[in-house]
PDB file of N, CA and C in Angstrom:
ATOM      1  N   UNK A   1      -3.737  11.142 -14.646  1.00  0.00           N
ATOM      2  CA  UNK A   1      -3.417  10.245 -15.789  1.00  0.00           C
ATOM      3  C   UNK A   1      -3.719  10.825 -17.139  1.00  0.00           C
ATOM      4  N   UNK A   2      -3.086  10.303 -18.190  1.00  0.00           N
ATOM      5  CA  UNK A   2      -3.464  10.671 -19.502  1.00  0.00           C
ATOM      6  C   UNK A   2      -4.302   9.585 -20.155  1.00  0.00           C
ATOM      7  N   UNK A   3      -4.947   9.998 -21.287  1.00  0.00           N
ATOM      8  CA  UNK A   3      -5.732   9.083 -22.058  1.00  0.00           C
ATOM      9  C   UNK A   3      -4.910   7.722 -22.420  1.00  0.00           C
ATOM     10  N   UNK A   4      -3.665   8.104 -22.834  1.00  0.00           N
ATOM     11  CA  UNK A   4      -2.885   6.954 -23.283  1.00  0.00           C
ATOM     12  C   UNK A   4      -2.523   6.069 -21.982  1.00  0.00           C
ATOM     13  N   UNK A   5      -2.220   6.541 -20.850  1.00  0.00           N
ATOM     14  CA  UNK A   5      -2.053   5.763 -19.642  1.00  0.00           C
ATOM     15  C   UNK A   5      -3.239   4.824 -19.432  1.00  0.00           C
ATOM     16  N   UNK A   6      -4.487   5.601 -19.345  1.00  0.00           N
ATOM     17  CA  UNK A   6      -5.688   4.872 -19.241  1.00  0.00           C
ATOM     18  C   UNK A   6      -5.890   3.591 -20.177  1.00  0.00           C
ATOM     19  N   UNK A   7      -5.632   3.980 -21.447  1.00  0.00           N
ATOM     20  CA  UNK A   7      -5.696   2.928 -22.472  1.00  0.00           C
ATOM     21  C   UNK A   7      -4.753   1.730 -22.060  1.00  0.00           C
ATOM     22  N   UNK A   8      -3.616   2.068 -21.831  1.00  0.00           N
ATOM     23  CA  UNK A   8      -2.562   0.928 -21.456  1.00  0.00           C
ATOM     24  C   UNK A   8      -3.049   0.188 -20.176  1.00  0.00           C
ATOM     25  N   UNK A   9      -3.505   0.944 -19.172  1.00  0.00           N
ATOM     26  CA  UNK A   9      -4.028   0.234 -17.926  1.00  0.00           C
ATOM     27  C   UNK A   9      -5.221  -0.705 -18.292  1.00  0.00           C
ATOM     28  N   UNK A  10      -6.247  -0.152 -18.920  1.00  0.00           N
ATOM     29  CA  UNK A  10      -7.454  -1.061 -19.312  1.00  0.00           C
ATOM     30  C   UNK A  10      -7.033  -2.254 -20.108  1.00  0.00           C
ATOM     31  N   UNK A  11      -6.124  -1.864 -21.104  1.00  0.00           N
ATOM     32  CA  UNK A  11      -5.851  -3.201 -21.957  1.00  0.00           C
ATOM     33  C   UNK A  11      -5.103  -4.201 -21.126  1.00  0.00           C
ATOM     34  N   UNK A  12      -4.240  -3.794 -20.190  1.00  0.00           N
ATOM     35  CA  UNK A  12      -3.523  -4.800 -19.236  1.00  0.00           C
ATOM     36  C   UNK A  12      -4.676  -5.450 -18.320  1.00  0.00           C
ATOM     37  N   UNK A  13      -5.555  -4.780 -17.922  1.00  0.00           N
ATOM     38  CA  UNK A  13      -6.574  -5.311 -17.074  1.00  0.00           C
ATOM     39  C   UNK A  13      -7.435  -6.449 -17.848  1.00  0.00           C
ATOM     40  N   UNK A  14      -7.674  -6.153 -19.022  1.00  0.00           N
ATOM     41  CA  UNK A  14      -8.403  -7.126 -19.838  1.00  0.00           C
ATOM     42  C   UNK A  14      -7.594  -8.259 -20.483  1.00  0.00           C
ATOM     43  N   UNK A  15      -6.226  -8.064 -20.374  1.00  0.00           N
ATOM     44  CA  UNK A  15      -5.374  -9.061 -21.043  1.00  0.00           C
ATOM     45  C   UNK A  15      -5.330 -10.509 -20.424  1.00  0.00           C
ATOM     46  N   UNK A  16      -5.703 -10.592 -19.194  1.00  0.00           N
ATOM     47  CA  UNK A  16      -5.503 -11.904 -18.584  1.00  0.00           C
ATOM     48  C   UNK A  16      -4.093 -12.092 -18.123  1.00  0.00           C
ATOM     49  N   UNK A  17      -3.227 -11.213 -18.292  1.00  0.00           N
ATOM     50  CA  UNK A  17      -1.817 -11.382 -18.056  1.00  0.00           C
ATOM     51  C   UNK A  17      -1.546 -11.037 -16.493  1.00  0.00           C
ATOM     52  N   UNK A  18      -2.387 -10.577 -15.809  1.00  0.00           N
ATOM     53  CA  UNK A  18      -2.189 -10.296 -14.474  1.00  0.00           C
ATOM     54  C   UNK A  18      -3.162 -10.923 -13.506  1.00  0.00           C
ATOM     55  N   UNK A  19      -2.707 -11.682 -12.495  1.00  0.00           N
ATOM     56  CA  UNK A  19      -3.491 -12.247 -11.486  1.00  0.00           C
ATOM     57  C   UNK A  19      -4.023 -11.271 -10.601  1.00  0.00           C
ATOM     58  N   UNK A  20      -5.200 -11.480 -10.198  1.00  0.00           N
ATOM     59  CA  UNK A  20      -5.923 -10.451  -9.301  1.00  0.00           C
ATOM     60  C   UNK A  20      -5.787 -10.825  -7.860  1.00  0.00           C
ATOM     61  N   UNK A  21      -5.394  -9.941  -6.979  1.00  0.00           N
ATOM     62  CA  UNK A  21      -5.378  -9.912  -5.526  1.00  0.00           C
ATOM     63  C   UNK A  21      -6.421  -9.115  -5.007  1.00  0.00           C
ATOM     64  N   UNK A  22      -6.750  -9.385  -3.747  1.00  0.00           N
ATOM     65  CA  UNK A  22      -7.732  -8.573  -3.025  1.00  0.00           C
ATOM     66  C   UNK A  22      -7.133  -8.049  -1.715  1.00  0.00           C
ATOM     67  N   UNK A  23      -7.438  -6.883  -1.334  1.00  0.00           N
ATOM     68  CA  UNK A  23      -6.985  -6.237  -0.012  1.00  0.00           C
ATOM     69  C   UNK A  23      -5.590  -6.051   0.131  1.00  0.00           C
ATOM     70  N   UNK A  24      -4.757  -6.079  -1.067  1.00  0.00           N
ATOM     71  CA  UNK A  24      -3.361  -5.642  -0.966  1.00  0.00           C
ATOM     72  C   UNK A  24      -3.099  -5.034  -2.366  1.00  0.00           C
ATOM     73  N   UNK A  25      -2.163  -4.205  -2.493  1.00  0.00           N
ATOM     74  CA  UNK A  25      -1.803  -3.696  -3.766  1.00  0.00           C
ATOM     75  C   UNK A  25      -1.065  -4.713  -4.679  1.00  0.00           C
ATOM     76  N   UNK A  26      -0.274  -5.459  -4.026  1.00  0.00           N
ATOM     77  CA  UNK A  26       0.369  -6.700  -4.657  1.00  0.00           C
ATOM     78  C   UNK A  26       0.774  -7.609  -3.514  1.00  0.00           C
ATOM     79  N   UNK A  27       0.948  -8.908  -3.991  1.00  0.00           N
ATOM     80  CA  UNK A  27       1.353  -9.912  -3.012  1.00  0.00           C
ATOM     81  C   UNK A  27       2.882  -9.981  -2.882  1.00  0.00           C
ATOM     82  N   UNK A  28       3.605  -9.359  -3.793  1.00  0.00           N
ATOM     83  CA  UNK A  28       5.029  -9.385  -3.766  1.00  0.00           C
ATOM     84  C   UNK A  28       5.410  -7.866  -4.154  1.00  0.00           C
ATOM     85  N   UNK A  29       6.705  -7.519  -4.106  1.00  0.00           N
ATOM     86  CA  UNK A  29       7.211  -6.182  -4.640  1.00  0.00           C
ATOM     87  C   UNK A  29       6.485  -5.901  -5.932  1.00  0.00           C
ATOM     88  N   UNK A  30       6.084  -4.648  -5.971  1.00  0.00           N
ATOM     89  CA  UNK A  30       5.242  -4.184  -7.110  1.00  0.00           C
ATOM     90  C   UNK A  30       5.909  -4.394  -8.455  1.00  0.00           C
ATOM     91  N   UNK A  31       7.190  -4.380  -8.496  1.00  0.00           N
ATOM     92  CA  UNK A  31       7.932  -4.496  -9.674  1.00  0.00           C
ATOM     93  C   UNK A  31       8.094  -5.841 -10.343  1.00  0.00           C
ATOM     94  N   UNK A  32       7.792  -6.822  -9.477  1.00  0.00           N
ATOM     95  CA  UNK A  32       7.764  -8.182  -9.838  1.00  0.00           C
ATOM     96  C   UNK A  32       6.445  -8.640 -10.375  1.00  0.00           C
ATOM     97  N   UNK A  33       6.441  -9.133 -11.554  1.00  0.00           N
ATOM     98  CA  UNK A  33       5.082  -9.609 -12.290  1.00  0.00           C
ATOM     99  C   UNK A  33       5.137 -11.107 -12.213  1.00  0.00           C
ATOM    100  N   UNK A  34       6.189 -11.766 -12.374  1.00  0.00           N
ATOM    101  CA  UNK A  34       6.139 -13.246 -12.284  1.00  0.00           C
ATOM    102  C   UNK A  34       5.716 -13.743 -10.892  1.00  0.00           C
ATOM    103  N   UNK A  35       4.684 -14.679 -10.840  1.00  0.00           N
ATOM    104  CA  UNK A  35       4.165 -15.123  -9.653  1.00  0.00           C
ATOM    105  C   UNK A  35       3.581 -14.129  -8.694  1.00  0.00           C
ATOM    106  N   UNK A  36       3.153 -13.081  -9.043  1.00  0.00           N
ATOM    107  CA  UNK A  36       2.644 -11.920  -8.252  1.00  0.00           C
ATOM    108  C   UNK A  36       1.065 -11.932  -8.525  1.00  0.00           C
ATOM    109  N   UNK A  37       0.415 -11.252  -7.708  1.00  0.00           N
ATOM    110  CA  UNK A  37      -0.956 -10.984  -7.934  1.00  0.00           C
ATOM    111  C   UNK A  37      -1.267  -9.488  -7.511  1.00  0.00           C
ATOM    112  N   UNK A  38      -2.036  -8.797  -8.159  1.00  0.00           N
ATOM    113  CA  UNK A  38      -2.265  -7.256  -7.992  1.00  0.00           C
ATOM    114  C   UNK A  38      -3.675  -6.890  -7.739  1.00  0.00           C
ATOM    115  N   UNK A  39      -3.909  -5.913  -7.037  1.00  0.00           N
ATOM    116  CA  UNK A  39      -5.154  -5.315  -7.166  1.00  0.00           C
ATOM    117  C   UNK A  39      -5.249  -4.360  -8.431  1.00  0.00           C
ATOM    118  N   UNK A  40      -6.426  -3.762  -8.794  1.00  0.00           N
ATOM    119  CA  UNK A  40      -6.547  -3.087 -10.015  1.00  0.00           C
ATOM    120  C   UNK A  40      -5.526  -1.852 -10.065  1.00  0.00           C
ATOM    121  N   UNK A  41      -5.417  -1.130  -8.992  1.00  0.00           N
ATOM    122  CA  UNK A  41      -4.466  -0.029  -8.791  1.00  0.00           C
ATOM    123  C   UNK A  41      -3.036  -0.521  -8.784  1.00  0.00           C
ATOM    124  N   UNK A  42      -2.756  -1.771  -8.197  1.00  0.00           N
ATOM    125  CA  UNK A  42      -1.470  -2.379  -8.320  1.00  0.00           C
ATOM    126  C   UNK A  42      -0.983  -2.545  -9.803  1.00  0.00           C
ATOM    127  N   UNK A  43      -1.881  -2.921 -10.608  1.00  0.00           N
ATOM    128  CA  UNK A  43      -1.523  -3.140 -11.987  1.00  0.00           C
ATOM    129  C   UNK A  43      -1.075  -1.833 -12.623  1.00  0.00           C
ATOM    130  N   UNK A  44      -1.699  -0.831 -12.348  1.00  0.00           N
ATOM    131  CA  UNK A  44      -1.243   0.616 -12.918  1.00  0.00           C
ATOM    132  C   UNK A  44       0.103   0.896 -12.284  1.00  0.00           C
ATOM    133  N   UNK A  45       0.315   0.782 -11.067  1.00  0.00           N
ATOM    134  CA  UNK A  45       1.491   0.964 -10.367  1.00  0.00           C
ATOM    135  C   UNK A  45       2.621   0.164 -11.000  1.00  0.00           C
ATOM    136  N   UNK A  46       2.369  -1.151 -11.261  1.00  0.00           N
ATOM    137  CA  UNK A  46       3.321  -1.862 -11.962  1.00  0.00           C
ATOM    138  C   UNK A  46       3.675  -1.479 -13.336  1.00  0.00           C
ATOM    139  N   UNK A  47       2.747  -1.039 -14.161  1.00  0.00           N
ATOM    140  CA  UNK A  47       2.858  -0.657 -15.538  1.00  0.00           C
ATOM    141  C   UNK A  47       3.670   0.675 -15.647  1.00  0.00           C
ATOM    142  N   UNK A  48       3.452   1.563 -14.676  1.00  0.00           N
ATOM    143  CA  UNK A  48       3.903   2.905 -14.704  1.00  0.00           C
ATOM    144  C   UNK A  48       5.102   3.199 -13.743  1.00  0.00           C
ATOM    145  N   UNK A  49       5.647   2.045 -13.275  1.00  0.00           N
ATOM    146  CA  UNK A  49       6.932   2.133 -12.495  1.00  0.00           C
ATOM    147  C   UNK A  49       6.742   2.938 -11.188  1.00  0.00           C
ATOM    148  N   UNK A  50       5.453   2.905 -10.565  1.00  0.00           N
ATOM    149  CA  UNK A  50       5.405   3.581  -9.200  1.00  0.00           C
ATOM    150  C   UNK A  50       5.812   2.767  -8.144  1.00  0.00           C
ATOM    151  N   UNK A  51       6.766   3.197  -7.316  1.00  0.00           N
ATOM    152  CA  UNK A  51       7.402   2.497  -6.229  1.00  0.00           C
ATOM    153  C   UNK A  51       6.558   2.708  -4.939  1.00  0.00           C
ATOM    154  N   UNK A  52       5.959   1.639  -4.586  1.00  0.00           N
ATOM    155  CA  UNK A  52       5.253   1.610  -3.233  1.00  0.00           C
ATOM    156  C   UNK A  52       5.620   0.341  -2.540  1.00  0.00           C
ATOM    157  N   UNK A  53       5.564   0.307  -1.281  1.00  0.00           N
ATOM    158  CA  UNK A  53       5.862  -0.836  -0.373  1.00  0.00           C
ATOM    159  C   UNK A  53       4.658  -1.599  -0.500  1.00  0.00           C
ATOM    160  N   UNK A  54       4.794  -2.885  -0.949  1.00  0.00           N
ATOM    161  CA  UNK A  54       3.480  -3.724  -1.228  1.00  0.00           C
ATOM    162  C   UNK A  54       2.937  -4.054   0.085  1.00  0.00           C
ATOM    163  N   UNK A  55       3.652  -4.189   1.130  1.00  0.00           N
ATOM    164  CA  UNK A  55       3.099  -4.669   2.469  1.00  0.00           C
ATOM    165  C   UNK A  55       2.704  -3.560   3.387  1.00  0.00           C
ATOM    166  N   UNK A  56       2.652  -2.350   2.874  1.00  0.00           N
ATOM    167  CA  UNK A  56       2.402  -1.215   3.693  1.00  0.00           C
ATOM    168  C   UNK A  56       0.855  -0.958   3.589  1.00  0.00           C
ATOM    169  N   UNK A  57       0.221  -0.574   4.695  1.00  0.00           N
ATOM    170  CA  UNK A  57      -1.290  -0.427   4.728  1.00  0.00           C
ATOM    171  C   UNK A  57      -1.574   0.917   3.954  1.00  0.00           C
ATOM    172  N   UNK A  58      -0.596   1.790   3.688  1.00  0.00           N
ATOM    173  CA  UNK A  58      -0.855   3.034   3.021  1.00  0.00           C
ATOM    174  C   UNK A  58      -0.482   2.995   1.541  1.00  0.00           C
ATOM    175  N   UNK A  59      -0.151   1.759   1.098  1.00  0.00           N
ATOM    176  CA  UNK A  59       0.405   1.656  -0.335  1.00  0.00           C
ATOM    177  C   UNK A  59      -0.638   1.994  -1.372  1.00  0.00           C
ATOM    178  N   UNK A  60      -1.880   1.793  -1.232  1.00  0.00           N
ATOM    179  CA  UNK A  60      -2.909   2.123  -2.122  1.00  0.00           C
ATOM    180  C   UNK A  60      -3.069   3.733  -2.267  1.00  0.00           C
ATOM    181  N   UNK A  61      -3.054   4.354  -1.086  1.00  0.00           N
ATOM    182  CA  UNK A  61      -3.079   5.743  -1.127  1.00  0.00           C
ATOM    183  C   UNK A  61      -1.846   6.339  -1.705  1.00  0.00           C
ATOM    184  N   UNK A  62      -0.750   5.888  -1.454  1.00  0.00           N
ATOM    185  CA  UNK A  62       0.563   6.344  -2.057  1.00  0.00           C
ATOM    186  C   UNK A  62       0.439   6.035  -3.509  1.00  0.00           C
ATOM    187  N   UNK A  63       0.052   4.848  -3.959  1.00  0.00           N
ATOM    188  CA  UNK A  63      -0.030   4.624  -5.474  1.00  0.00           C
ATOM    189  C   UNK A  63      -0.926   5.634  -6.165  1.00  0.00           C
ATOM    190  N   UNK A  64      -2.080   5.772  -5.671  1.00  0.00           N
ATOM    191  CA  UNK A  64      -3.165   6.733  -6.077  1.00  0.00           C
ATOM    192  C   UNK A  64      -2.625   8.094  -6.258  1.00  0.00           C
ATOM    193  N   UNK A  65      -1.828   8.622  -5.309  1.00  0.00           N
ATOM    194  CA  UNK A  65      -1.201   9.932  -5.351  1.00  0.00           C
ATOM    195  C   UNK A  65      -0.197  10.055  -6.462  1.00  0.00           C
ATOM    196  N   UNK A  66       0.564   8.978  -6.514  1.00  0.00           N
ATOM    197  CA  UNK A  66       1.709   9.012  -7.637  1.00  0.00           C
ATOM    198  C   UNK A  66       1.063   8.931  -9.059  1.00  0.00           C
ATOM    199  N   UNK A  67       0.016   8.141  -9.116  1.00  0.00           N
ATOM    200  CA  UNK A  67      -0.752   8.059 -10.357  1.00  0.00           C
ATOM    201  C   UNK A  67      -1.795   9.051 -10.709  1.00  0.00           C
ATOM    202  N   UNK A  68      -1.892   9.974  -9.837  1.00  0.00           N
ATOM    203  CA  UNK A  68      -2.875  11.172  -9.930  1.00  0.00           C
ATOM    204  C   UNK A  68      -4.303  10.667 -10.012  1.00  0.00           C
ATOM    205  N   UNK A  69      -4.662   9.575  -9.196  1.00  0.00           N
ATOM    206  CA  UNK A  69      -6.051   8.975  -9.167  1.00  0.00           C
ATOM    207  C   UNK A  69      -6.522   9.582  -7.787  1.00  0.00           C
ATOM    208  N   UNK A  70      -7.759  10.306  -7.948  1.00  0.00           N
ATOM    209  CA  UNK A  70      -8.321  10.867  -6.694  1.00  0.00           C
ATOM    210  C   UNK A  70      -8.715   9.707  -5.723  1.00  0.00           C
ATOM    211  N   UNK A  71      -8.168   9.970  -4.493  1.00  0.00           N
ATOM    212  CA  UNK A  71      -8.387   8.977  -3.459  1.00  0.00           C
ATOM    213  C   UNK A  71      -8.491   9.771  -2.133  1.00  0.00           C
ATOM    214  N   UNK A  72      -9.450   9.339  -1.146  1.00  0.00           N
ATOM    215  CA  UNK A  72      -9.685  10.090   0.011  1.00  0.00           C
ATOM    216  C   UNK A  72      -9.562   9.059   1.155  1.00  0.00           C
ATOM    217  N   UNK A  73      -8.738   9.397   2.115  1.00  0.00           N
ATOM    218  CA  UNK A  73      -8.547   8.496   3.177  1.00  0.00           C
ATOM    219  C   UNK A  73      -9.860   8.703   4.069  1.00  0.00           C
ATOM    220  N   UNK A  74     -10.520   7.607   4.371  1.00  0.00           N
ATOM    221  CA  UNK A  74     -11.826   7.640   5.130  1.00  0.00           C
ATOM    222  C   UNK A  74     -11.870   6.269   5.726  1.00  0.00           C
ATOM    223  N   UNK A  75     -12.694   6.246   6.646  1.00  0.00           N
ATOM    224  CA  UNK A  75     -13.069   4.982   7.361  1.00  0.00           C
ATOM    225  C   UNK A  75     -14.083   4.226   6.523  1.00  0.00           C
ATOM    226  N   UNK A  76     -14.893   4.956   5.645  1.00  0.00           N
ATOM    227  CA  UNK A  76     -15.713   4.393   4.793  1.00  0.00           C
ATOM    228  C   UNK A  76     -15.220   4.359   3.355  1.00  0.00           C
ATOM    229  N   UNK A  77     -14.888   3.155   2.883  1.00  0.00           N
ATOM    230  CA  UNK A  77     -14.294   3.084   1.605  1.00  0.00           C
ATOM    231  C   UNK A  77     -15.213   3.471   0.468  1.00  0.00           C
ATOM    232  N   UNK A  78     -16.542   3.621   0.629  1.00  0.00           N
ATOM    233  CA  UNK A  78     -17.368   3.986  -0.354  1.00  0.00           C
ATOM    234  C   UNK A  78     -17.472   5.563  -0.498  1.00  0.00           C
ATOM    235  N   UNK A  79     -16.756   6.222   0.331  1.00  0.00           N
ATOM    236  CA  UNK A  79     -16.746   7.692   0.313  1.00  0.00           C
ATOM    237  C   UNK A  79     -15.421   8.187  -0.432  1.00  0.00           C
ATOM    238  N   UNK A  80     -15.409   9.090  -1.048  1.00  0.00           N
ATOM    239  CA  UNK A  80     -14.077   9.729  -1.687  1.00  0.00           C
ATOM    240  C   UNK A  80     -14.047   9.647  -3.237  1.00  0.00           C
ATOM    241  N   UNK A  81     -12.851   9.593  -3.672  1.00  0.00           N
ATOM    242  CA  UNK A  81     -12.756   9.693  -5.251  1.00  0.00           C
ATOM    243  C   UNK A  81     -12.780   8.411  -5.924  1.00  0.00           C
ATOM    244  N   UNK A  82     -12.452   8.425  -7.170  1.00  0.00           N
ATOM    245  CA  UNK A  82     -12.603   7.250  -8.010  1.00  0.00           C
ATOM    246  C   UNK A  82     -11.705   6.203  -7.511  1.00  0.00           C
ATOM    247  N   UNK A  83     -10.611   6.467  -6.834  1.00  0.00           N
ATOM    248  CA  UNK A  83      -9.605   5.535  -6.399  1.00  0.00           C
ATOM    249  C   UNK A  83     -10.287   4.747  -5.339  1.00  0.00           C
ATOM    250  N   UNK A  84     -11.108   5.322  -4.366  1.00  0.00           N
ATOM    251  CA  UNK A  84     -11.894   4.536  -3.405  1.00  0.00           C
ATOM    252  C   UNK A  84     -12.994   3.648  -4.077  1.00  0.00           C
ATOM    253  N   UNK A  85     -13.571   3.992  -5.147  1.00  0.00           N
ATOM    254  CA  UNK A  85     -14.496   3.190  -5.966  1.00  0.00           C
ATOM    255  C   UNK A  85     -13.741   1.978  -6.492  1.00  0.00           C
ATOM    256  N   UNK A  86     -12.689   2.225  -6.986  1.00  0.00           N
ATOM    257  CA  UNK A  86     -11.872   1.054  -7.537  1.00  0.00           C
ATOM    258  C   UNK A  86     -11.408   0.096  -6.495  1.00  0.00           C
ATOM    259  N   UNK A  87     -11.125   0.597  -5.281  1.00  0.00           N
ATOM    260  CA  UNK A  87     -10.845  -0.308  -4.134  1.00  0.00           C
ATOM    261  C   UNK A  87     -12.078  -1.168  -3.766  1.00  0.00           C
ATOM    262  N   UNK A  88     -13.308  -0.488  -3.816  1.00  0.00           N
ATOM    263  CA  UNK A  88     -14.543  -1.187  -3.439  1.00  0.00           C
ATOM    264  C   UNK A  88     -14.773  -2.303  -4.532  1.00  0.00           C
ATOM    265  N   UNK A  89     -14.675  -1.965  -5.784  1.00  0.00           N
ATOM    266  CA  UNK A  89     -14.954  -2.864  -6.968  1.00  0.00           C
ATOM    267  C   UNK A  89     -13.972  -3.955  -6.811  1.00  0.00           C
ATOM    268  N   UNK A  90     -12.723  -3.839  -6.478  1.00  0.00           N
ATOM    269  CA  UNK A  90     -11.855  -4.916  -6.497  1.00  0.00           C
ATOM    270  C   UNK A  90     -11.814  -5.703  -5.297  1.00  0.00           C
ATOM    271  N   UNK A  91     -11.894  -4.970  -4.058  1.00  0.00           N
ATOM    272  CA  UNK A  91     -11.705  -5.806  -2.744  1.00  0.00           C
ATOM    273  C   UNK A  91     -13.068  -6.169  -2.166  1.00  0.00           C
ATOM    274  N   UNK A  92     -14.092  -5.492  -2.382  1.00  0.00           N
ATOM    275  CA  UNK A  92     -15.393  -5.768  -1.566  1.00  0.00           C
ATOM    276  C   UNK A  92     -16.441  -6.345  -2.481  1.00  0.00           C
ATOM    277  N   UNK A  93     -16.466  -5.923  -3.815  1.00  0.00           N
ATOM    278  CA  UNK A  93     -17.466  -6.332  -4.713  1.00  0.00           C
ATOM    279  C   UNK A  93     -16.926  -7.571  -5.527  1.00  0.00           C
ATOM    280  N   UNK A  94     -15.650  -7.796  -5.441  1.00  0.00           N
ATOM    281  CA  UNK A  94     -15.125  -8.960  -6.057  1.00  0.00           C
ATOM    282  C   UNK A  94     -15.297  -8.949  -7.712  1.00  0.00           C
ATOM    283  N   UNK A  95     -15.164  -7.729  -8.303  1.00  0.00           N
ATOM    284  CA  UNK A  95     -15.296  -7.611  -9.591  1.00  0.00           C
ATOM    285  C   UNK A  95     -14.105  -8.015 -10.319  1.00  0.00           C
ATOM    286  N   UNK A  96     -14.148  -8.633 -11.402  1.00  0.00           N
ATOM    287  CA  UNK A  96     -12.876  -9.176 -12.128  1.00  0.00           C
ATOM    288  C   UNK A  96     -12.389  -7.886 -12.881  1.00  0.00           C
ATOM    289  N   UNK A  97     -11.023  -8.126 -13.353  1.00  0.00           N
ATOM    290  CA  UNK A  97     -10.415  -6.978 -14.063  1.00  0.00           C
ATOM    291  C   UNK A  97     -11.035  -6.378 -15.129  1.00  0.00           C
ATOM    292  N   UNK A  98     -11.670  -7.335 -16.069  1.00  0.00           N
ATOM    293  CA  UNK A  98     -12.299  -6.731 -17.256  1.00  0.00           C
ATOM    294  C   UNK A  98     -13.472  -5.870 -16.885  1.00  0.00           C
ATOM    295  N   UNK A  99     -14.328  -6.212 -15.829  1.00  0.00           N
ATOM    296  CA  UNK A  99     -15.414  -5.382 -15.365  1.00  0.00           C
ATOM    297  C   UNK A  99     -14.900  -4.021 -14.783  1.00  0.00           C
ATOM    298  N   UNK A 100     -13.728  -4.086 -14.097  1.00  0.00           N
ATOM    299  CA  UNK A 100     -13.091  -2.941 -13.590  1.00  0.00           C
ATOM    300  C   UNK A 100     -12.630  -2.075 -14.638  1.00  0.00           C
ATOM    301  N   UNK A 101     -12.014  -2.639 -15.784  1.00  0.00           N
ATOM    302  CA  UNK A 101     -11.561  -1.888 -16.989  1.00  0.00           C
ATOM    303  C   UNK A 101     -12.765  -1.220 -17.669  1.00  0.00           C
ATOM    304  N   UNK A 102     -13.892  -1.875 -17.735  1.00  0.00           N
ATOM    305  CA  UNK A 102     -15.074  -1.236 -18.152  1.00  0.00           C
ATOM    306  C   UNK A 102     -15.516   0.026 -17.393  1.00  0.00           C
ATOM    307  N   UNK A 103     -15.405  -0.112 -16.090  1.00  0.00           N
ATOM    308  CA  UNK A 103     -15.673   1.047 -15.194  1.00  0.00           C
ATOM    309  C   UNK A 103     -14.884   2.233 -15.426  1.00  0.00           C
ATOM    310  N   UNK A 104     -13.554   1.937 -15.520  1.00  0.00           N
ATOM    311  CA  UNK A 104     -12.537   2.827 -15.764  1.00  0.00           C
ATOM    312  C   UNK A 104     -12.886   3.642 -17.043  1.00  0.00           C
ATOM    313  N   UNK A 105     -13.192   2.844 -18.146  1.00  0.00           N
ATOM    314  CA  UNK A 105     -13.293   3.457 -19.305  1.00  0.00           C
ATOM    315  C   UNK A 105     -14.577   4.372 -19.266  1.00  0.00           C
ATOM    316  N   UNK A 106     -15.736   3.918 -18.561  1.00  0.00           N
ATOM    317  CA  UNK A 106     -16.878   4.728 -18.381  1.00  0.00           C
ATOM    318  C   UNK A 106     -16.803   5.906 -17.651  1.00  0.00           C
ATOM    319  N   UNK A 107     -15.690   5.897 -16.703  1.00  0.00           N
ATOM    320  CA  UNK A 107     -15.447   7.030 -15.840  1.00  0.00           C
ATOM    321  C   UNK A 107     -14.049   7.689 -15.985  1.00  0.00           C
ATOM    322  N   UNK A 108     -13.539   7.622 -17.324  1.00  0.00           N
ATOM    323  CA  UNK A 108     -12.320   8.092 -17.661  1.00  0.00           C
ATOM    324  C   UNK A 108     -12.078   9.540 -17.291  1.00  0.00           C
ATOM    325  N   UNK A 109     -13.082  10.433 -17.403  1.00  0.00           N
ATOM    326  CA  UNK A 109     -12.982  11.820 -17.072  1.00  0.00           C
ATOM    327  C   UNK A 109     -12.454  12.086 -15.619  1.00  0.00           C
ATOM    328  N   UNK A 110     -12.835  11.226 -14.723  1.00  0.00           N
ATOM    329  CA  UNK A 110     -12.550  11.343 -13.193  1.00  0.00           C
ATOM    330  C   UNK A 110     -11.047  11.053 -13.104  1.00  0.00           C
ATOM    331  N   UNK A 111     -10.348  10.409 -14.064  1.00  0.00           N
ATOM    332  CA  UNK A 111      -8.892  10.148 -13.909  1.00  0.00           C
ATOM    333  C   UNK A 111      -7.997  10.995 -14.709  1.00  0.00           C
ATOM    334  N   UNK A 112      -8.500  11.750 -15.665  1.00  0.00           N
ATOM    335  CA  UNK A 112      -7.661  12.641 -16.535  1.00  0.00           C
ATOM    336  C   UNK A 112      -7.048  13.702 -15.711  1.00  0.00           C
ATOM    337  N   UNK A 113      -5.861  13.981 -15.919  1.00  0.00           N
ATOM    338  CA  UNK A 113      -5.136  15.116 -15.176  1.00  0.00           C
ATOM    339  C   UNK A 113      -4.505  15.952 -16.189  1.00  0.00           C
TER     340      UNK A 113
END
């Protein structure tokens, strides 16, 4: 990701314009914003036009790959890249989007490509 993309993503996470979902990348097709809810990675996928199947168990991994967010497939979600940490913050720790945006800003170097 570029600094500009990270800025767009964190601004969107703080905006209140996206409803938050847990344990799915989105509740409807990723390109639909109206009436949809997203995980934090799903917001980035929506913003940057990443096509993933929202009901596919591998959608987070696919979105991270397309967005160049380090992600490691593992039985333990706490192990791996920053993508794994974002999943933990969103799905297991129940952090809200502004808190996740703060984490992204603090760890921006792990996202730059």
